[in-house]
Protein backbone atom coordinates (compact mmCIF):
# COMPACT_ATOMS: atom_id res chain seq x y z
CA ALA A 1 0.00 0.00 0.00
CA ALA A 2 2.83 2.43 0.82
CA ALA A 3 4.40 1.82 -2.60
CA ALA A 4 1.14 2.71 -4.36
CA GLU A 5 0.23 5.85 -2.45
CA GLY A 6 3.18 6.71 -0.22
CA GLY A 7 3.28 6.10 3.49
CA THR A 8 5.31 4.57 6.27
CA VAL A 9 6.35 0.96 6.67
CA VAL A 10 6.75 0.29 10.39
CA ILE A 11 9.02 -2.42 11.75
CA PRO A 12 7.90 -3.08 15.35
CA LYS A 13 10.00 -4.27 18.27
CA GLY A 14 11.54 -7.69 17.59
CA VAL A 15 13.94 -9.23 15.08
CA TRP A 16 12.67 -9.42 11.49
CA LEU A 17 14.65 -11.41 8.89
CA SER A 18 14.47 -10.12 5.33
CA SER A 19 16.20 -9.85 1.98
CA SER A 20 15.86 -7.07 -0.62
CA LEU A 21 13.20 -4.47 0.16
CA PHE A 22 12.34 -1.84 -2.50
CA PHE A 23 10.85 1.54 -1.60
CA LYS A 24 9.13 4.12 -3.83
CA SER A 25 8.77 7.90 -3.63
CA LYS A 26 7.11 9.32 -0.53
CA THR A 27 7.68 6.11 1.40
CA HIS A 28 9.40 5.86 4.74
CA LEU A 29 10.90 3.06 6.82
CA CYS A 30 10.31 3.44 10.55
CA LEU A 31 12.28 1.08 12.75
CA GLU A 32 10.73 1.39 16.18
CA LYS A 33 12.98 1.34 19.23
CA GLY A 34 13.80 -2.33 19.89
CA ALA A 35 13.22 -3.31 16.24
CA VAL A 36 15.95 -5.10 14.28
CA LEU A 37 15.62 -5.51 10.52
CA LYS A 38 18.13 -8.31 9.90
CA GLY A 39 19.42 -9.20 6.47
CA SER A 40 19.54 -12.78 5.30
CA ASP A 41 23.04 -14.27 5.29
CA ARG A 42 22.31 -16.18 2.05
CA VAL A 43 23.14 -14.17 -1.05
CA SER A 44 20.69 -16.30 -3.07
CA ASP A 45 17.83 -14.72 -1.06
CA TYR A 46 18.57 -11.28 -2.55
CA ALA A 47 17.27 -9.90 -5.83
CA VAL A 48 19.64 -9.07 -8.67
CA ALA A 49 19.22 -5.51 -9.92
CA ARG A 50 20.84 -2.93 -12.21
CA VAL A 51 22.93 -0.83 -9.84
CA HIS A 52 25.87 1.54 -9.93
CA ILE A 53 28.74 -0.28 -8.31
CA GLU A 54 32.51 0.06 -8.62
CA GLY A 55 31.98 2.90 -11.13
CA VAL A 56 29.72 1.00 -13.57
CA ILE A 57 25.99 0.36 -13.98
CA GLN A 58 25.64 -3.41 -13.98
CA ASN A 59 23.68 -6.36 -12.61
CA TYR A 60 24.64 -7.06 -9.02
CA VAL A 61 23.12 -8.21 -5.76
CA ALA A 62 20.53 -5.69 -4.57
CA ALA A 63 20.91 -4.12 -1.15
CA LEU A 64 18.82 -4.98 1.87
CA VAL A 65 17.05 -1.57 1.63
CA ASN A 66 16.71 -0.10 -1.90
CA ALA A 67 15.14 3.10 -3.22
CA TYR A 68 15.49 4.03 -6.91
CA ASP A 69 14.25 7.23 -8.57
CA VAL A 70 12.63 8.50 -5.39
CA ASP A 71 11.60 11.86 -4.02
CA SER A 72 11.08 11.92 -0.23
CA PHE A 73 12.39 8.69 1.24
CA SER A 74 13.46 8.27 4.85
CA ILE A 75 14.70 5.75 7.38
CA PHE A 76 14.20 6.68 11.04
CA GLY A 77 12.84 5.60 14.40
CA GLY A 78 15.52 4.48 16.86
CA GLY A 79 15.81 0.85 15.71
CA VAL A 80 18.55 -1.19 14.04
CA ILE A 81 19.33 -2.48 10.58
CA ASP A 82 21.70 -5.45 10.93
CA GLY A 83 23.29 -6.72 7.72
CA ASN A 84 24.13 -10.08 9.33
CA GLY A 85 27.45 -9.93 7.50
CA LEU A 86 29.59 -12.59 9.21
CA GLN A 87 29.06 -15.28 6.54
CA TYR A 88 29.76 -12.76 3.74
CA TRP A 89 32.99 -11.65 5.43
CA ARG A 90 34.16 -15.23 5.90
CA ASP A 91 33.37 -16.03 2.25
CA PHE A 92 35.25 -12.93 1.09
CA TRP A 93 38.40 -13.77 3.07
CA THR A 94 38.29 -17.42 1.94
CA ARG A 95 38.01 -16.25 -1.68
CA ARG A 96 40.89 -13.82 -1.07
CA MET A 97 43.08 -16.68 0.26
CA VAL A 98 42.46 -18.64 -2.95
CA ASN A 99 42.84 -15.58 -5.20
CA PRO A 100 44.69 -12.66 -3.55
CA LYS A 101 43.61 -10.37 -6.41
CA CYS A 102 39.91 -11.09 -5.87
CA THR A 103 37.80 -7.93 -6.19
CA ASN A 104 34.61 -6.87 -4.45
CA LEU A 105 32.62 -7.75 -7.56
CA GLU A 106 33.79 -11.35 -7.47
CA ALA A 107 32.61 -11.85 -3.90
CA LEU A 108 28.86 -11.25 -4.13
CA ARG A 109 27.62 -9.44 -1.03
CA PRO A 110 24.61 -7.20 -0.44
CA ARG A 111 25.03 -3.60 0.61
CA MET A 112 22.83 -2.48 3.46
CA ILE A 113 21.22 0.66 1.96
CA TYR A 114 21.28 1.77 -1.68
CA VAL A 115 19.50 4.91 -2.84
CA ALA A 116 19.91 5.94 -6.50
CA ASN A 117 18.62 9.05 -8.29
CA GLY A 118 16.90 10.29 -5.16
CA SER A 119 16.08 13.65 -3.67
CA ASN A 120 15.01 14.68 -0.18
CA ILE A 121 16.55 11.66 1.53
CA LEU A 122 16.71 11.40 5.32
CA ILE A 123 18.43 8.75 7.41
CA GLU A 124 18.03 9.63 11.07
CA ASN A 125 18.32 8.11 14.53
CA VAL A 126 19.02 4.50 13.54
CA THR A 127 21.87 2.07 14.08
CA LEU A 128 23.39 0.38 11.03
CA ARG A 129 25.64 -2.57 11.85
CA ASN A 130 27.33 -5.62 10.36
CA SER A 131 26.80 -4.79 6.70
CA GLY A 132 27.85 -7.53 4.29
CA PHE A 133 29.36 -4.89 1.99
CA TRP A 134 29.05 -1.07 1.82
CA THR A 135 26.73 0.17 4.56
CA THR A 136 25.15 3.24 2.95
CA HIS A 137 25.56 3.86 -0.79
CA LEU A 138 23.95 6.98 -2.24
CA TYR A 139 24.22 7.44 -6.01
CA LYS A 140 23.17 10.64 -7.80
CA CYS A 141 21.15 11.90 -4.84
CA ASN A 142 20.33 15.51 -4.01
CA TYR A 143 19.33 16.99 -0.64
CA VAL A 144 20.42 14.24 1.71
CA ARG A 145 20.54 14.43 5.51
CA ILE A 146 22.16 11.75 7.61
CA LYS A 147 21.64 12.68 11.26
CA ASP A 148 22.32 10.97 14.60
CA VAL A 149 23.15 7.63 12.97
CA THR A 150 25.45 5.00 14.48
CA ILE A 151 27.34 2.87 11.95
CA PHE A 152 29.41 -0.09 13.12
CA ALA A 153 31.58 -2.65 11.32
CA PRO A 154 33.50 -5.11 13.51
CA ASN A 155 37.06 -6.32 13.26
CA LYS A 156 36.38 -9.59 15.12
CA PRO A 157 35.80 -12.53 14.76
CA VAL A 158 36.92 -11.56 11.23
CA PRO A 159 37.34 -8.07 9.72
CA ALA A 160 34.33 -6.77 7.79
CA PRO A 161 35.85 -6.10 4.33
CA SER A 162 34.74 -3.04 2.33
CA SER A 163 32.07 -2.19 4.86
CA ASP A 164 32.34 1.55 4.15
CA ALA A 165 30.06 3.57 6.40
CA ILE A 166 28.81 6.13 3.87
CA ASP A 167 29.59 6.12 0.14
CA LEU A 168 28.53 9.35 -1.57
CA ASP A 169 28.65 8.83 -5.32
CA ALA A 170 27.86 11.87 -7.53
CA CYS A 171 25.66 13.44 -4.82
CA ASN A 172 24.89 17.10 -4.07
CA ASN A 173 23.71 19.00 -1.01
CA VAL A 174 24.57 16.35 1.58
CA HIS A 175 24.63 17.14 5.29
CA ILE A 176 25.99 14.54 7.72
CA TYR A 177 26.03 15.40 11.40
CA GLY A 178 25.74 13.95 14.89
CA CYS A 179 26.85 10.50 13.67
CA SER A 180 29.05 7.90 15.35
CA ILE A 181 30.93 5.89 12.75
């Protein structure tokens, strides 16, 4: 219903396992305090989509939270998005042991949040942790605010490879403040 008319998708308190979610204009993701949106640790659960990654538009694993060609999209509410990345990190480092020149594109892993061609984007008062790949990737977005967000990528039990906190790619008018990264 939110995709058709705009609105807010509310994730209540509890742990909710998911794979790729796609949001439209004027939709919002509210993670209530105590809510955890947890990404699947099986790459086969995720959609494949045309995305801008490593400098090229190509087919790749979609993110956990996706918003393409949107005006007015937000994530807020005090809850957590957990990328459940441990299995992806282990797979990456195993692949790297076999092929030391392995790139990010060869080790399929979902990003946590991907917003492309968006305007009026707000990410506020949430915790983003354990992303399988880049945590927040914004491509060709305008008027973005990222406020009071905590982003965490661990170094143990294995380092979280390429788990960049915020990737701004051809964006304008971005304001990031009050964050702990």
